[in-house]
Amino acid sequence: GGLVAKGIDKQNISVSEPWDVNREK
């Protein structure tokens, strides 16, 4: 959230998360 707020390109951020709820968030 901090990175996005400071203008980092969202497509340069990739997240692996096994839980559906966290991943959707």
mmCIF file of all heavy atoms, coordinates in Angstrom:
data_MODEL
# 
_entry.id   MODEL 
# 
loop_
_atom_site.group_PDB 
_atom_site.id 
_atom_site.type_symbol 
_atom_site.label_atom_id 
_atom_site.label_alt_id 
_atom_site.label_comp_id 
_atom_site.label_asym_id 
_atom_site.label_entity_id 
_atom_site.label_seq_id 
_atom_site.pdbx_PDB_ins_code 
_atom_site.Cartn_x 
_atom_site.Cartn_y 
_atom_site.Cartn_z 
_atom_site.occupancy 
_atom_site.B_iso_or_equiv 
_atom_site.pdbx_formal_charge 
_atom_site.auth_seq_id 
_atom_site.auth_comp_id 
_atom_site.auth_asym_id 
_atom_site.auth_atom_id 
_atom_site.pdbx_PDB_model_num 
ATOM 1   N N   . GLY A 1 1  ? 0.818   -1.211  0.000   1.00 0.00 ? 1  GLY A N   1 
ATOM 2   C CA  . GLY A 1 1  ? 0.000   0.000   0.000   1.00 0.00 ? 1  GLY A CA  1 
ATOM 3   C C   . GLY A 1 1  ? 0.849   1.258   0.000   1.00 0.00 ? 1  GLY A C   1 
ATOM 4   O O   . GLY A 1 1  ? 0.543   2.235   -0.697  1.00 0.00 ? 1  GLY A O   1 
ATOM 5   N N   . GLY A 1 2  ? 1.949   1.227   0.776   1.00 0.00 ? 2  GLY A N   1 
ATOM 6   C CA  . GLY A 1 2  ? 2.857   2.364   0.818   1.00 0.00 ? 2  GLY A CA  1 
ATOM 7   C C   . GLY A 1 2  ? 3.547   2.595   -0.503  1.00 0.00 ? 2  GLY A C   1 
ATOM 8   O O   . GLY A 1 2  ? 3.719   3.751   -0.946  1.00 0.00 ? 2  GLY A O   1 
ATOM 9   N N   . LEU A 1 3  ? 3.942   1.515   -1.164  1.00 0.00 ? 3  LEU A N   1 
ATOM 10  C CA  . LEU A 1 3  ? 4.607   1.625   -2.463  1.00 0.00 ? 3  LEU A CA  1 
ATOM 11  C C   . LEU A 1 3  ? 3.667   2.199   -3.522  1.00 0.00 ? 3  LEU A C   1 
ATOM 12  O O   . LEU A 1 3  ? 4.042   3.084   -4.295  1.00 0.00 ? 3  LEU A O   1 
ATOM 13  C CB  . LEU A 1 3  ? 5.110   0.244   -2.909  1.00 0.00 ? 3  LEU A CB  1 
ATOM 14  C CG  . LEU A 1 3  ? 6.244   -0.369  -2.086  1.00 0.00 ? 3  LEU A CG  1 
ATOM 15  C CD1 . LEU A 1 3  ? 6.466   -1.816  -2.499  1.00 0.00 ? 3  LEU A CD1 1 
ATOM 16  C CD2 . LEU A 1 3  ? 7.532   0.428   -2.249  1.00 0.00 ? 3  LEU A CD2 1 
ATOM 17  N N   . VAL A 1 4  ? 2.444   1.677   -3.533  1.00 0.00 ? 4  VAL A N   1 
ATOM 18  C CA  . VAL A 1 4  ? 1.453   2.161   -4.508  1.00 0.00 ? 4  VAL A CA  1 
ATOM 19  C C   . VAL A 1 4  ? 1.147   3.634   -4.272  1.00 0.00 ? 4  VAL A C   1 
ATOM 20  O O   . VAL A 1 4  ? 1.056   4.433   -5.217  1.00 0.00 ? 4  VAL A O   1 
ATOM 21  C CB  . VAL A 1 4  ? 0.166   1.308   -4.426  1.00 0.00 ? 4  VAL A CB  1 
ATOM 22  C CG1 . VAL A 1 4  ? -0.960  1.944   -5.249  1.00 0.00 ? 4  VAL A CG1 1 
ATOM 23  C CG2 . VAL A 1 4  ? 0.435   -0.118  -4.908  1.00 0.00 ? 4  VAL A CG2 1 
ATOM 24  N N   . ALA A 1 5  ? 1.026   4.011   -2.998  1.00 0.00 ? 5  ALA A N   1 
ATOM 25  C CA  . ALA A 1 5  ? 0.725   5.406   -2.658  1.00 0.00 ? 5  ALA A CA  1 
ATOM 26  C C   . ALA A 1 5  ? 1.840   6.343   -3.096  1.00 0.00 ? 5  ALA A C   1 
ATOM 27  O O   . ALA A 1 5  ? 1.596   7.522   -3.383  1.00 0.00 ? 5  ALA A O   1 
ATOM 28  C CB  . ALA A 1 5  ? 0.488   5.539   -1.154  1.00 0.00 ? 5  ALA A CB  1 
ATOM 29  N N   . LYS A 1 6  ? 3.062   5.825   -3.163  1.00 0.00 ? 6  LYS A N   1 
ATOM 30  C CA  . LYS A 1 6  ? 4.207   6.650   -3.550  1.00 0.00 ? 6  LYS A CA  1 
ATOM 31  C C   . LYS A 1 6  ? 4.512   6.563   -5.050  1.00 0.00 ? 6  LYS A C   1 
ATOM 32  O O   . LYS A 1 6  ? 5.546   7.042   -5.507  1.00 0.00 ? 6  LYS A O   1 
ATOM 33  C CB  . LYS A 1 6  ? 5.426   6.277   -2.720  1.00 0.00 ? 6  LYS A CB  1 
ATOM 34  C CG  . LYS A 1 6  ? 5.282   6.680   -1.251  1.00 0.00 ? 6  LYS A CG  1 
ATOM 35  C CD  . LYS A 1 6  ? 6.512   6.356   -0.444  1.00 0.00 ? 6  LYS A CD  1 
ATOM 36  C CE  . LYS A 1 6  ? 6.335   6.732   1.018   1.00 0.00 ? 6  LYS A CE  1 
ATOM 37  N NZ  . LYS A 1 6  ? 6.187   8.178   1.223   1.00 0.00 ? 6  LYS A NZ  1 
ATOM 38  N N   . GLY A 1 7  ? 3.612   5.917   -5.802  1.00 0.00 ? 7  GLY A N   1 
ATOM 39  C CA  . GLY A 1 7  ? 3.717   5.966   -7.253  1.00 0.00 ? 7  GLY A CA  1 
ATOM 40  C C   . GLY A 1 7  ? 4.442   4.823   -7.926  1.00 0.00 ? 7  GLY A C   1 
ATOM 41  O O   . GLY A 1 7  ? 4.722   4.902   -9.127  1.00 0.00 ? 7  GLY A O   1 
ATOM 42  N N   . ILE A 1 8  ? 4.747   3.756   -7.196  1.00 0.00 ? 8  ILE A N   1 
ATOM 43  C CA  . ILE A 1 8  ? 5.363   2.600   -7.847  1.00 0.00 ? 8  ILE A CA  1 
ATOM 44  C C   . ILE A 1 8  ? 4.350   1.967   -8.803  1.00 0.00 ? 8  ILE A C   1 
ATOM 45  O O   . ILE A 1 8  ? 3.169   1.795   -8.467  1.00 0.00 ? 8  ILE A O   1 
ATOM 46  C CB  . ILE A 1 8  ? 5.811   1.554   -6.793  1.00 0.00 ? 8  ILE A CB  1 
ATOM 47  C CG1 . ILE A 1 8  ? 6.945   2.114   -5.935  1.00 0.00 ? 8  ILE A CG1 1 
ATOM 48  C CG2 . ILE A 1 8  ? 6.237   0.248   -7.457  1.00 0.00 ? 8  ILE A CG2 1 
ATOM 49  C CD1 . ILE A 1 8  ? 8.237   2.359   -6.687  1.00 0.00 ? 8  ILE A CD1 1 
ATOM 50  N N   . ASP A 1 9  ? 4.803   1.611   -10.006 1.00 0.00 ? 9  ASP A N   1 
ATOM 51  C CA  . ASP A 1 9  ? 3.938   0.985   -11.007 1.00 0.00 ? 9  ASP A CA  1 
ATOM 52  C C   . ASP A 1 9  ? 3.373   -0.320  -10.461 1.00 0.00 ? 9  ASP A C   1 
ATOM 53  O O   . ASP A 1 9  ? 4.118   -1.235  -10.102 1.00 0.00 ? 9  ASP A O   1 
ATOM 54  C CB  . ASP A 1 9  ? 4.755   0.720   -12.276 1.00 0.00 ? 9  ASP A CB  1 
ATOM 55  C CG  . ASP A 1 9  ? 3.909   0.205   -13.432 1.00 0.00 ? 9  ASP A CG  1 
ATOM 56  O OD1 . ASP A 1 9  ? 2.755   -0.219  -13.205 1.00 0.00 ? 9  ASP A OD1 1 
ATOM 57  O OD2 . ASP A 1 9  ? 4.422   0.203   -14.572 1.00 0.00 ? 9  ASP A OD2 1 
ATOM 58  N N   . LYS A 1 10 ? 2.062   -0.424  -10.391 1.00 0.00 ? 10 LYS A N   1 
ATOM 59  C CA  . LYS A 1 10 ? 1.413   -1.614  -9.828  1.00 0.00 ? 10 LYS A CA  1 
ATOM 60  C C   . LYS A 1 10 ? 1.775   -2.882  -10.590 1.00 0.00 ? 10 LYS A C   1 
ATOM 61  O O   . LYS A 1 10 ? 1.821   -3.976  -10.008 1.00 0.00 ? 10 LYS A O   1 
ATOM 62  C CB  . LYS A 1 10 ? -0.110  -1.421  -9.828  1.00 0.00 ? 10 LYS A CB  1 
ATOM 63  C CG  . LYS A 1 10 ? -0.585  -0.277  -8.949  1.00 0.00 ? 10 LYS A CG  1 
ATOM 64  C CD  . LYS A 1 10 ? -2.076  -0.058  -9.104  1.00 0.00 ? 10 LYS A CD  1 
ATOM 65  C CE  . LYS A 1 10 ? -2.542  1.142   -8.299  1.00 0.00 ? 10 LYS A CE  1 
ATOM 66  N NZ  . LYS A 1 10 ? -3.997  1.387   -8.462  1.00 0.00 ? 10 LYS A NZ  1 
ATOM 67  N N   . GLN A 1 11 ? 2.038   -2.736  -11.879 1.00 0.00 ? 11 GLN A N   1 
ATOM 68  C CA  . GLN A 1 11 ? 2.366   -3.921  -12.672 1.00 0.00 ? 11 GLN A CA  1 
ATOM 69  C C   . GLN A 1 11 ? 3.798   -4.405  -12.431 1.00 0.00 ? 11 GLN A C   1 
ATOM 70  O O   . GLN A 1 11 ? 4.189   -5.450  -12.926 1.00 0.00 ? 11 GLN A O   1 
ATOM 71  C CB  . GLN A 1 11 ? 2.139   -3.627  -14.159 1.00 0.00 ? 11 GLN A CB  1 
ATOM 72  C CG  . GLN A 1 11 ? 0.672   -3.459  -14.510 1.00 0.00 ? 11 GLN A CG  1 
ATOM 73  C CD  . GLN A 1 11 ? -0.170  -4.655  -14.065 1.00 0.00 ? 11 GLN A CD  1 
ATOM 74  O OE1 . GLN A 1 11 ? 0.061   -5.781  -14.491 1.00 0.00 ? 11 GLN A OE1 1 
ATOM 75  N NE2 . GLN A 1 11 ? -1.144  -4.403  -13.196 1.00 0.00 ? 11 GLN A NE2 1 
ATOM 76  N N   . ASN A 1 12 ? 4.564   -3.627  -11.669 1.00 0.00 ? 12 ASN A N   1 
ATOM 77  C CA  . ASN A 1 12 ? 5.908   -4.063  -11.277 1.00 0.00 ? 12 ASN A CA  1 
ATOM 78  C C   . ASN A 1 12 ? 5.899   -4.806  -9.938  1.00 0.00 ? 12 ASN A C   1 
ATOM 79  O O   . ASN A 1 12 ? 6.946   -5.177  -9.434  1.00 0.00 ? 12 ASN A O   1 
ATOM 80  C CB  . ASN A 1 12 ? 6.850   -2.862  -11.172 1.00 0.00 ? 12 ASN A CB  1 
ATOM 81  C CG  . ASN A 1 12 ? 7.368   -2.418  -12.525 1.00 0.00 ? 12 ASN A CG  1 
ATOM 82  O OD1 . ASN A 1 12 ? 7.184   -3.107  -13.518 1.00 0.00 ? 12 ASN A OD1 1 
ATOM 83  N ND2 . ASN A 1 12 ? 8.002   -1.255  -12.562 1.00 0.00 ? 12 ASN A ND2 1 
ATOM 84  N N   . ILE A 1 13 ? 4.699   -4.983  -9.368  1.00 0.00 ? 13 ILE A N   1 
ATOM 85  C CA  . ILE A 1 13 ? 4.576   -5.658  -8.082  1.00 0.00 ? 13 ILE A CA  1 
ATOM 86  C C   . ILE A 1 13 ? 3.779   -6.941  -8.264  1.00 0.00 ? 13 ILE A C   1 
ATOM 87  O O   . ILE A 1 13 ? 2.649   -6.928  -8.754  1.00 0.00 ? 13 ILE A O   1 
ATOM 88  C CB  . ILE A 1 13 ? 3.863   -4.763  -7.042  1.00 0.00 ? 13 ILE A CB  1 
ATOM 89  C CG1 . ILE A 1 13 ? 4.613   -3.445  -6.858  1.00 0.00 ? 13 ILE A CG1 1 
ATOM 90  C CG2 . ILE A 1 13 ? 3.719   -5.494  -5.706  1.00 0.00 ? 13 ILE A CG2 1 
ATOM 91  C CD1 . ILE A 1 13 ? 3.894   -2.442  -5.957  1.00 0.00 ? 13 ILE A CD1 1 
ATOM 92  N N   . SER A 1 14 ? 4.392   -8.051  -7.861  1.00 0.00 ? 14 SER A N   1 
ATOM 93  C CA  . SER A 1 14 ? 3.739   -9.357  -7.960  1.00 0.00 ? 14 SER A CA  1 
ATOM 94  C C   . SER A 1 14 ? 3.690   -9.982  -6.574  1.00 0.00 ? 14 SER A C   1 
ATOM 95  O O   . SER A 1 14 ? 4.686   -9.953  -5.839  1.00 0.00 ? 14 SER A O   1 
ATOM 96  C CB  . SER A 1 14 ? 4.511   -10.270 -8.917  1.00 0.00 ? 14 SER A CB  1 
ATOM 97  O OG  . SER A 1 14 ? 3.868   -11.518 -9.050  1.00 0.00 ? 14 SER A OG  1 
ATOM 98  N N   . VAL A 1 15 ? 2.529   -10.533 -6.221  1.00 0.00 ? 15 VAL A N   1 
ATOM 99  C CA  . VAL A 1 15 ? 2.323   -11.067 -4.872  1.00 0.00 ? 15 VAL A CA  1 
ATOM 100 C C   . VAL A 1 15 ? 1.824   -12.499 -4.952  1.00 0.00 ? 15 VAL A C   1 
ATOM 101 O O   . VAL A 1 15 ? 0.852   -12.793 -5.664  1.00 0.00 ? 15 VAL A O   1 
ATOM 102 C CB  . VAL A 1 15 ? 1.300   -10.224 -4.085  1.00 0.00 ? 15 VAL A CB  1 
ATOM 103 C CG1 . VAL A 1 15 ? 1.184   -10.729 -2.650  1.00 0.00 ? 15 VAL A CG1 1 
ATOM 104 C CG2 . VAL A 1 15 ? 1.673   -8.752  -4.118  1.00 0.00 ? 15 VAL A CG2 1 
ATOM 105 N N   . SER A 1 16 ? 2.487   -13.374 -4.201  1.00 0.00 ? 16 SER A N   1 
ATOM 106 C CA  . SER A 1 16 ? 2.019   -14.752 -4.068  1.00 0.00 ? 16 SER A CA  1 
ATOM 107 C C   . SER A 1 16 ? 1.370   -14.911 -2.701  1.00 0.00 ? 16 SER A C   1 
ATOM 108 O O   . SER A 1 16 ? 2.003   -14.637 -1.678  1.00 0.00 ? 16 SER A O   1 
ATOM 109 C CB  . SER A 1 16 ? 3.188   -15.734 -4.206  1.00 0.00 ? 16 SER A CB  1 
ATOM 110 O OG  . SER A 1 16 ? 2.756   -17.048 -3.882  1.00 0.00 ? 16 SER A OG  1 
ATOM 111 N N   . GLU A 1 17 ? 0.122   -15.371 -2.692  1.00 0.00 ? 17 GLU A N   1 
ATOM 112 C CA  . GLU A 1 17 ? -0.620  -15.540 -1.445  1.00 0.00 ? 17 GLU A CA  1 
ATOM 113 C C   . GLU A 1 17 ? -1.568  -16.738 -1.590  1.00 0.00 ? 17 GLU A C   1 
ATOM 114 O O   . GLU A 1 17 ? -2.426  -16.753 -2.475  1.00 0.00 ? 17 GLU A O   1 
ATOM 115 C CB  . GLU A 1 17 ? -1.416  -14.266 -1.115  1.00 0.00 ? 17 GLU A CB  1 
ATOM 116 C CG  . GLU A 1 17 ? -2.424  -14.387 -0.008  1.00 0.00 ? 17 GLU A CG  1 
ATOM 117 C CD  . GLU A 1 17 ? -1.856  -14.928 1.286   1.00 0.00 ? 17 GLU A CD  1 
ATOM 118 O OE1 . GLU A 1 17 ? -0.792  -14.428 1.723   1.00 0.00 ? 17 GLU A OE1 1 
ATOM 119 O OE2 . GLU A 1 17 ? -2.460  -15.861 1.860   1.00 0.00 ? 17 GLU A OE2 1 
ATOM 120 N N   . PRO A 1 18 ? -1.410  -17.756 -0.745  1.00 0.00 ? 18 PRO A N   1 
ATOM 121 C CA  . PRO A 1 18 ? -2.221  -18.969 -0.902  1.00 0.00 ? 18 PRO A CA  1 
ATOM 122 C C   . PRO A 1 18 ? -3.682  -18.815 -0.492  1.00 0.00 ? 18 PRO A C   1 
ATOM 123 O O   . PRO A 1 18 ? -4.541  -19.529 -1.017  1.00 0.00 ? 18 PRO A O   1 
ATOM 124 C CB  . PRO A 1 18 ? -1.513  -19.976 0.013   1.00 0.00 ? 18 PRO A CB  1 
ATOM 125 C CG  . PRO A 1 18 ? -0.840  -19.142 1.047   1.00 0.00 ? 18 PRO A CG  1 
ATOM 126 C CD  . PRO A 1 18 ? -0.422  -17.899 0.332   1.00 0.00 ? 18 PRO A CD  1 
ATOM 127 N N   . TRP A 1 19 ? -3.973  -17.885 0.436   1.00 0.00 ? 19 TRP A N   1 
ATOM 128 C CA  . TRP A 1 19 ? -5.337  -17.748 0.927   1.00 0.00 ? 19 TRP A CA  1 
ATOM 129 C C   . TRP A 1 19 ? -6.148  -16.814 0.033   1.00 0.00 ? 19 TRP A C   1 
ATOM 130 O O   . TRP A 1 19 ? -5.750  -15.691 -0.237  1.00 0.00 ? 19 TRP A O   1 
ATOM 131 C CB  . TRP A 1 19 ? -5.327  -17.217 2.363   1.00 0.00 ? 19 TRP A CB  1 
ATOM 132 C CG  . TRP A 1 19 ? -4.691  -18.165 3.325   1.00 0.00 ? 19 TRP A CG  1 
ATOM 133 C CD1 . TRP A 1 19 ? -3.421  -18.118 3.800   1.00 0.00 ? 19 TRP A CD1 1 
ATOM 134 C CD2 . TRP A 1 19 ? -5.286  -19.337 3.899   1.00 0.00 ? 19 TRP A CD2 1 
ATOM 135 N NE1 . TRP A 1 19 ? -3.182  -19.180 4.655   1.00 0.00 ? 19 TRP A NE1 1 
ATOM 136 C CE2 . TRP A 1 19 ? -4.310  -19.938 4.735   1.00 0.00 ? 19 TRP A CE2 1 
ATOM 137 C CE3 . TRP A 1 19 ? -6.557  -19.916 3.811   1.00 0.00 ? 19 TRP A CE3 1 
ATOM 138 C CZ2 . TRP A 1 19 ? -4.564  -21.100 5.460   1.00 0.00 ? 19 TRP A CZ2 1 
ATOM 139 C CZ3 . TRP A 1 19 ? -6.812  -21.077 4.523   1.00 0.00 ? 19 TRP A CZ3 1 
ATOM 140 C CH2 . TRP A 1 19 ? -5.832  -21.650 5.334   1.00 0.00 ? 19 TRP A CH2 1 
ATOM 141 N N   . ASP A 1 20 ? -7.309  -17.310 -0.418  1.00 0.00 ? 20 ASP A N   1 
ATOM 142 C CA  . ASP A 1 20 ? -8.141  -16.554 -1.358  1.00 0.00 ? 20 ASP A CA  1 
ATOM 143 C C   . ASP A 1 20 ? -8.513  -15.174 -0.824  1.00 0.00 ? 20 ASP A C   1 
ATOM 144 O O   . ASP A 1 20 ? -8.459  -14.184 -1.556  1.00 0.00 ? 20 ASP A O   1 
ATOM 145 C CB  . ASP A 1 20 ? -9.426  -17.329 -1.672  1.00 0.00 ? 20 ASP A CB  1 
ATOM 146 C CG  . ASP A 1 20 ? -9.167  -18.603 -2.464  1.00 0.00 ? 20 ASP A CG  1 
ATOM 147 O OD1 . ASP A 1 20 ? -8.056  -18.737 -3.004  1.00 0.00 ? 20 ASP A OD1 1 
ATOM 148 O OD2 . ASP A 1 20 ? -10.069 -19.458 -2.531  1.00 0.00 ? 20 ASP A OD2 1 
ATOM 149 N N   . VAL A 1 21 ? -8.900  -15.103 0.446   1.00 0.00 ? 21 VAL A N   1 
ATOM 150 C CA  . VAL A 1 21 ? -9.350  -13.832 1.022   1.00 0.00 ? 21 VAL A CA  1 
ATOM 151 C C   . VAL A 1 21 ? -8.234  -12.793 0.988   1.00 0.00 ? 21 VAL A C   1 
ATOM 152 O O   . VAL A 1 21 ? -8.438  -11.650 0.561   1.00 0.00 ? 21 VAL A O   1 
ATOM 153 C CB  . VAL A 1 21 ? -9.859  -14.032 2.467   1.00 0.00 ? 21 VAL A CB  1 
ATOM 154 C CG1 . VAL A 1 21 ? -10.143 -12.684 3.121   1.00 0.00 ? 21 VAL A CG1 1 
ATOM 155 C CG2 . VAL A 1 21 ? -11.106 -14.900 2.481   1.00 0.00 ? 21 VAL A CG2 1 
ATOM 156 N N   . ASN A 1 22 ? -7.033  -13.192 1.429   1.00 0.00 ? 22 ASN A N   1 
ATOM 157 C CA  . ASN A 1 22 ? -5.899  -12.269 1.414   1.00 0.00 ? 22 ASN A CA  1 
ATOM 158 C C   . ASN A 1 22 ? -5.518  -11.888 -0.010  1.00 0.00 ? 22 ASN A C   1 
ATOM 159 O O   . ASN A 1 22 ? -5.196  -10.731 -0.291  1.00 0.00 ? 22 ASN A O   1 
ATOM 160 C CB  . ASN A 1 22 ? -4.689  -12.893 2.117   1.00 0.00 ? 22 ASN A CB  1 
ATOM 161 C CG  . ASN A 1 22 ? -4.829  -12.915 3.628   1.00 0.00 ? 22 ASN A CG  1 
ATOM 162 O OD1 . ASN A 1 22 ? -5.737  -12.302 4.174   1.00 0.00 ? 22 ASN A OD1 1 
ATOM 163 N ND2 . ASN A 1 22 ? -3.946  -13.624 4.296   1.00 0.00 ? 22 ASN A ND2 1 
ATOM 164 N N   . ARG A 1 23 ? -5.539  -12.870 -0.914  1.00 0.00 ? 23 ARG A N   1 
ATOM 165 C CA  . ARG A 1 23 ? -5.144  -12.611 -2.299  1.00 0.00 ? 23 ARG A CA  1 
ATOM 166 C C   . ARG A 1 23 ? -6.105  -11.629 -2.961  1.00 0.00 ? 23 ARG A C   1 
ATOM 167 O O   . ARG A 1 23 ? -5.689  -10.726 -3.693  1.00 0.00 ? 23 ARG A O   1 
ATOM 168 C CB  . ARG A 1 23 ? -5.076  -13.929 -3.085  1.00 0.00 ? 23 ARG A CB  1 
ATOM 169 C CG  . ARG A 1 23 ? -4.387  -13.786 -4.436  1.00 0.00 ? 23 ARG A CG  1 
ATOM 170 C CD  . ARG A 1 23 ? -4.037  -15.121 -5.057  1.00 0.00 ? 23 ARG A CD  1 
ATOM 171 N NE  . ARG A 1 23 ? -5.194  -15.958 -5.302  1.00 0.00 ? 23 ARG A NE  1 
ATOM 172 C CZ  . ARG A 1 23 ? -5.500  -17.056 -4.609  1.00 0.00 ? 23 ARG A CZ  1 
ATOM 173 N NH1 . ARG A 1 23 ? -4.719  -17.447 -3.616  1.00 0.00 ? 23 ARG A NH1 1 
ATOM 174 N NH2 . ARG A 1 23 ? -6.569  -17.769 -4.908  1.00 0.00 ? 23 ARG A NH2 1 
ATOM 175 N N   . GLU A 1 24 ? -7.410  -11.793 -2.705  1.00 0.00 ? 24 GLU A N   1 
ATOM 176 C CA  . GLU A 1 24 ? -8.395  -10.875 -3.281  1.00 0.00 ? 24 GLU A CA  1 
ATOM 177 C C   . GLU A 1 24 ? -8.240  -9.466  -2.715  1.00 0.00 ? 24 GLU A C   1 
ATOM 178 O O   . GLU A 1 24 ? -8.411  -8.478  -3.432  1.00 0.00 ? 24 GLU A O   1 
ATOM 179 C CB  . GLU A 1 24 ? -9.806  -11.413 -3.001  1.00 0.00 ? 24 GLU A CB  1 
ATOM 180 C CG  . GLU A 1 24 ? -10.133 -12.671 -3.808  1.00 0.00 ? 24 GLU A CG  1 
ATOM 181 C CD  . GLU A 1 24 ? -11.391 -13.369 -3.318  1.00 0.00 ? 24 GLU A CD  1 
ATOM 182 O OE1 . GLU A 1 24 ? -12.074 -12.812 -2.415  1.00 0.00 ? 24 GLU A OE1 1 
ATOM 183 O OE2 . GLU A 1 24 ? -11.686 -14.471 -3.823  1.00 0.00 ? 24 GLU A OE2 1 
ATOM 184 N N   . LYS A 1 25 ? -7.904  -9.392  -1.431  1.00 0.00 ? 25 LYS A N   1 
ATOM 185 C CA  . LYS A 1 25 ? -7.695  -8.089  -0.800  1.00 0.00 ? 25 LYS A CA  1 
ATOM 186 C C   . LYS A 1 25 ? -6.499  -7.370  -1.433  1.00 0.00 ? 25 LYS A C   1 
ATOM 187 O O   . LYS A 1 25 ? -6.569  -6.165  -1.724  1.00 0.00 ? 25 LYS A O   1 
ATOM 188 C CB  . LYS A 1 25 ? -7.468  -8.277  0.698   1.00 0.00 ? 25 LYS A CB  1 
ATOM 189 C CG  . LYS A 1 25 ? -7.330  -6.986  1.488   1.00 0.00 ? 25 LYS A CG  1 
ATOM 190 C CD  . LYS A 1 25 ? -7.160  -7.290  2.970   1.00 0.00 ? 25 LYS A CD  1 
ATOM 191 C CE  . LYS A 1 25 ? -6.973  -6.007  3.776   1.00 0.00 ? 25 LYS A CE  1 
ATOM 192 N NZ  . LYS A 1 25 ? -6.791  -6.301  5.227   1.00 0.00 ? 25 LYS A NZ  1 
# 
